[in-house]
Amino acid sequence: MAGGKEPIEVKFRLFDGTDIGPSKYDPSTSVTSLKEFILARWPQDKEVVPKTVNDVKLINAGRILENNKTLAESRVPVGEVPGGVITMHVVVRPPQSDKSEKQLSNSPKQNRCGCTIL
């Protein structure tokens, strides 16, 4: 497994500080596959539960990882300890449909006025 082909050990830190992993991944593993792994192992007792890989953002060293990139392309080697575990932060995006419903429910309120001028 020499020549950069060694598995990369990663753990995923959720928004409340709990972790999923660590687990070892091949450097050619896609970010989408990592997100699928997270969805499959998401703790069921959480209030916020992502439904699809598009609801999840992975952040490594301050960078949001792109779905079409591999783990090798996405990792930031600066400051990593050889053989150490990489911690990636998991952010759940709010559902898009809630925004539309919120805007629709706010629209009628904006058209009403309860002011009285004396």
C-alpha atoms as a PDB file:
ATOM      1  CA  MET A   1       0.000   0.000   0.000  1.00  0.00           C
ATOM      2  CA  ALA A   2       2.913   2.332  -0.511  1.00  0.00           C
ATOM      3  CA  GLY A   3       2.947   5.286  -2.895  1.00  0.00           C
ATOM      4  CA  GLY A   4      -0.038   7.220  -1.524  1.00  0.00           C
ATOM      5  CA  LYS A   5      -2.448   4.291  -1.808  1.00  0.00           C
ATOM      6  CA  GLU A   6      -2.705   3.773   1.957  1.00  0.00           C
ATOM      7  CA  PRO A   7      -6.212   3.972   3.398  1.00  0.00           C
ATOM      8  CA  ILE A   8      -7.154   7.302   4.913  1.00  0.00           C
ATOM      9  CA  GLU A   9      -8.725   7.189   8.371  1.00  0.00           C
ATOM     10  CA  VAL A  10     -11.574   9.657   8.787  1.00  0.00           C
ATOM     11  CA  LYS A  11     -14.124  10.428  11.477  1.00  0.00           C
ATOM     12  CA  PHE A  12     -17.114  12.682  11.016  1.00  0.00           C
ATOM     13  CA  ARG A  13     -18.010  15.231  13.700  1.00  0.00           C
ATOM     14  CA  LEU A  14     -21.685  16.155  13.816  1.00  0.00           C
ATOM     15  CA  PHE A  15     -23.011  19.584  14.773  1.00  0.00           C
ATOM     16  CA  ASP A  16     -23.606  18.530  18.392  1.00  0.00           C
ATOM     17  CA  GLY A  17     -20.089  17.162  18.914  1.00  0.00           C
ATOM     18  CA  THR A  18     -20.854  13.447  18.467  1.00  0.00           C
ATOM     19  CA  ASP A  19     -18.739  11.436  16.060  1.00  0.00           C
ATOM     20  CA  ILE A  20     -19.363   8.837  13.376  1.00  0.00           C
ATOM     21  CA  GLY A  21     -16.306   6.655  12.902  1.00  0.00           C
ATOM     22  CA  PRO A  22     -13.386   6.611  12.606  1.00  0.00           C
ATOM     23  CA  SER A  23     -13.282   4.368   9.553  1.00  0.00           C
ATOM     24  CA  LYS A  24     -10.660   3.767   6.875  1.00  0.00           C
ATOM     25  CA  TYR A  25     -11.335   4.695   3.261  1.00  0.00           C
ATOM     26  CA  ASP A  26      -9.494   4.194  -0.001  1.00  0.00           C
ATOM     27  CA  PRO A  27      -8.129   7.525  -1.321  1.00  0.00           C
ATOM     28  CA  SER A  28     -10.241   7.049  -4.478  1.00  0.00           C
ATOM     29  CA  THR A  29     -13.511   7.094  -2.474  1.00  0.00           C
ATOM     30  CA  SER A  30     -15.805   9.893  -3.660  1.00  0.00           C
ATOM     31  CA  VAL A  31     -17.192  12.549  -1.339  1.00  0.00           C
ATOM     32  CA  THR A  32     -20.681  11.370  -2.351  1.00  0.00           C
ATOM     33  CA  SER A  33     -19.815   7.874  -1.039  1.00  0.00           C
ATOM     34  CA  LEU A  34     -18.655   9.397   2.251  1.00  0.00           C
ATOM     35  CA  LYS A  35     -21.970  11.245   2.561  1.00  0.00           C
ATOM     36  CA  GLU A  36     -23.881   8.007   1.859  1.00  0.00           C
ATOM     37  CA  PHE A  37     -21.862   6.349   4.648  1.00  0.00           C
ATOM     38  CA  ILE A  38     -22.834   9.174   7.017  1.00  0.00           C
ATOM     39  CA  LEU A  39     -26.529   8.932   6.089  1.00  0.00           C
ATOM     40  CA  ALA A  40     -26.516   5.166   6.691  1.00  0.00           C
ATOM     41  CA  ARG A  41     -24.986   5.601  10.162  1.00  0.00           C
ATOM     42  CA  TRP A  42     -26.782   8.785  11.234  1.00  0.00           C
ATOM     43  CA  PRO A  43     -27.902   8.513  14.888  1.00  0.00           C
ATOM     44  CA  GLN A  44     -31.688   8.079  14.986  1.00  0.00           C
ATOM     45  CA  ASP A  45     -32.110  10.063  18.210  1.00  0.00           C
ATOM     46  CA  LYS A  46     -31.151  13.384  16.580  1.00  0.00           C
ATOM     47  CA  GLU A  47     -33.728  16.107  15.917  1.00  0.00           C
ATOM     48  CA  VAL A  48     -32.122  17.086  12.623  1.00  0.00           C
ATOM     49  CA  VAL A  49     -31.900  14.182  10.172  1.00  0.00           C
ATOM     50  CA  PRO A  50     -30.651  14.658   6.600  1.00  0.00           C
ATOM     51  CA  LYS A  51     -32.696  12.867   3.937  1.00  0.00           C
ATOM     52  CA  THR A  52     -30.289  12.908   0.971  1.00  0.00           C
ATOM     53  CA  VAL A  53     -26.585  13.443   0.301  1.00  0.00           C
ATOM     54  CA  ASN A  54     -27.479  16.947  -0.905  1.00  0.00           C
ATOM     55  CA  ASP A  55     -28.666  17.805   2.621  1.00  0.00           C
ATOM     56  CA  VAL A  56     -25.152  17.162   3.984  1.00  0.00           C
ATOM     57  CA  LYS A  57     -22.036  19.323   3.645  1.00  0.00           C
ATOM     58  CA  LEU A  58     -18.610  17.957   4.603  1.00  0.00           C
ATOM     59  CA  ILE A  59     -15.982  20.426   5.741  1.00  0.00           C
ATOM     60  CA  ASN A  60     -12.286  19.608   5.988  1.00  0.00           C
ATOM     61  CA  ALA A  61      -9.825  22.276   7.147  1.00  0.00           C
ATOM     62  CA  GLY A  62     -12.350  25.031   6.425  1.00  0.00           C
ATOM     63  CA  ARG A  63     -13.140  23.846   2.888  1.00  0.00           C
ATOM     64  CA  ILE A  64     -16.513  22.499   1.756  1.00  0.00           C
ATOM     65  CA  LEU A  65     -15.890  19.262  -0.115  1.00  0.00           C
ATOM     66  CA  GLU A  66     -17.409  18.790  -3.565  1.00  0.00           C
ATOM     67  CA  ASN A  67     -19.440  15.637  -4.295  1.00  0.00           C
ATOM     68  CA  ASN A  68     -17.581  14.814  -7.511  1.00  0.00           C
ATOM     69  CA  LYS A  69     -14.121  14.898  -5.899  1.00  0.00           C
ATOM     70  CA  THR A  70     -12.304  11.955  -4.327  1.00  0.00           C
ATOM     71  CA  LEU A  71     -11.019  11.779  -0.784  1.00  0.00           C
ATOM     72  CA  ALA A  72      -7.438  12.118  -2.070  1.00  0.00           C
ATOM     73  CA  GLU A  73      -8.343  15.291  -3.993  1.00  0.00           C
ATOM     74  CA  SER A  74     -10.236  16.749  -1.032  1.00  0.00           C
ATOM     75  CA  ARG A  75      -7.832  16.202   1.833  1.00  0.00           C
ATOM     76  CA  VAL A  76      -5.547  18.924   3.097  1.00  0.00           C
ATOM     77  CA  PRO A  77      -2.174  17.430   4.078  1.00  0.00           C
ATOM     78  CA  VAL A  78      -0.942  20.479   6.027  1.00  0.00           C
ATOM     79  CA  GLY A  79      -0.869  19.732   9.740  1.00  0.00           C
ATOM     80  CA  GLU A  80      -1.864  16.086   9.378  1.00  0.00           C
ATOM     81  CA  VAL A  81      -0.020  13.528  11.441  1.00  0.00           C
ATOM     82  CA  PRO A  82       1.007  10.487   9.377  1.00  0.00           C
ATOM     83  CA  GLY A  83      -1.286   7.637  10.343  1.00  0.00           C
ATOM     84  CA  GLY A  84      -3.557  10.051  12.239  1.00  0.00           C
ATOM     85  CA  VAL A  85      -7.311  10.373  12.002  1.00  0.00           C
ATOM     86  CA  ILE A  86      -8.738  13.204   9.887  1.00  0.00           C
ATOM     87  CA  THR A  87     -11.799  14.873  11.415  1.00  0.00           C
ATOM     88  CA  MET A  88     -14.344  16.201   8.933  1.00  0.00           C
ATOM     89  CA  HIS A  89     -17.215  18.350  10.122  1.00  0.00           C
ATOM     90  CA  VAL A  90     -20.754  17.528   9.020  1.00  0.00           C
ATOM     91  CA  VAL A  91     -23.262  20.325   8.448  1.00  0.00           C
ATOM     92  CA  VAL A  92     -26.896  19.594   7.637  1.00  0.00           C
ATOM     93  CA  ARG A  93     -28.536  22.010   5.233  1.00  0.00           C
ATOM     94  CA  PRO A  94     -32.060  23.067   6.150  1.00  0.00           C
ATOM     95  CA  PRO A  95     -34.696  21.585   3.817  1.00  0.00           C
ATOM     96  CA  GLN A  96     -35.373  23.875   0.847  1.00  0.00           C
ATOM     97  CA  SER A  97     -39.136  23.292   0.923  1.00  0.00           C
ATOM     98  CA  ASP A  98     -39.383  24.879   4.385  1.00  0.00           C
ATOM     99  CA  LYS A  99     -38.006  28.141   2.975  1.00  0.00           C
ATOM    100  CA  SER A 100     -40.684  28.264   0.261  1.00  0.00           C
ATOM    101  CA  GLU A 101     -43.443  27.509   2.768  1.00  0.00           C
ATOM    102  CA  LYS A 102     -42.097  30.143   5.145  1.00  0.00           C
ATOM    103  CA  GLN A 103     -42.038  32.752   2.364  1.00  0.00           C
ATOM    104  CA  LEU A 104     -45.575  31.823   1.319  1.00  0.00           C
ATOM    105  CA  SER A 105     -46.875  31.996   4.874  1.00  0.00           C
ATOM    106  CA  ASN A 106     -45.214  35.387   5.388  1.00  0.00           C
ATOM    107  CA  SER A 107     -46.575  36.885   2.158  1.00  0.00           C
ATOM    108  CA  PRO A 108     -50.228  37.313   3.251  1.00  0.00           C
ATOM    109  CA  LYS A 109     -49.126  38.865   6.544  1.00  0.00           C
ATOM    110  CA  GLN A 110     -47.214  41.566   4.686  1.00  0.00           C
ATOM    111  CA  ASN A 111     -50.345  42.574   2.776  1.00  0.00           C
ATOM    112  CA  ARG A 112     -52.367  43.222   5.964  1.00  0.00           C
ATOM    113  CA  CYS A 113     -52.024  46.320   8.024  1.00  0.00           C
ATOM    114  CA  GLY A 114     -53.285  46.714  11.552  1.00  0.00           C
ATOM    115  CA  CYS A 115     -52.222  50.334  11.956  1.00  0.00           C
ATOM    116  CA  THR A 116     -54.585  53.095  12.960  1.00  0.00           C
ATOM    117  CA  ILE A 117     -53.610  56.706  12.400  1.00  0.00           C
ATOM    118  CA  LEU A 118     -55.255  59.199  14.767  1.00  0.00           C
END
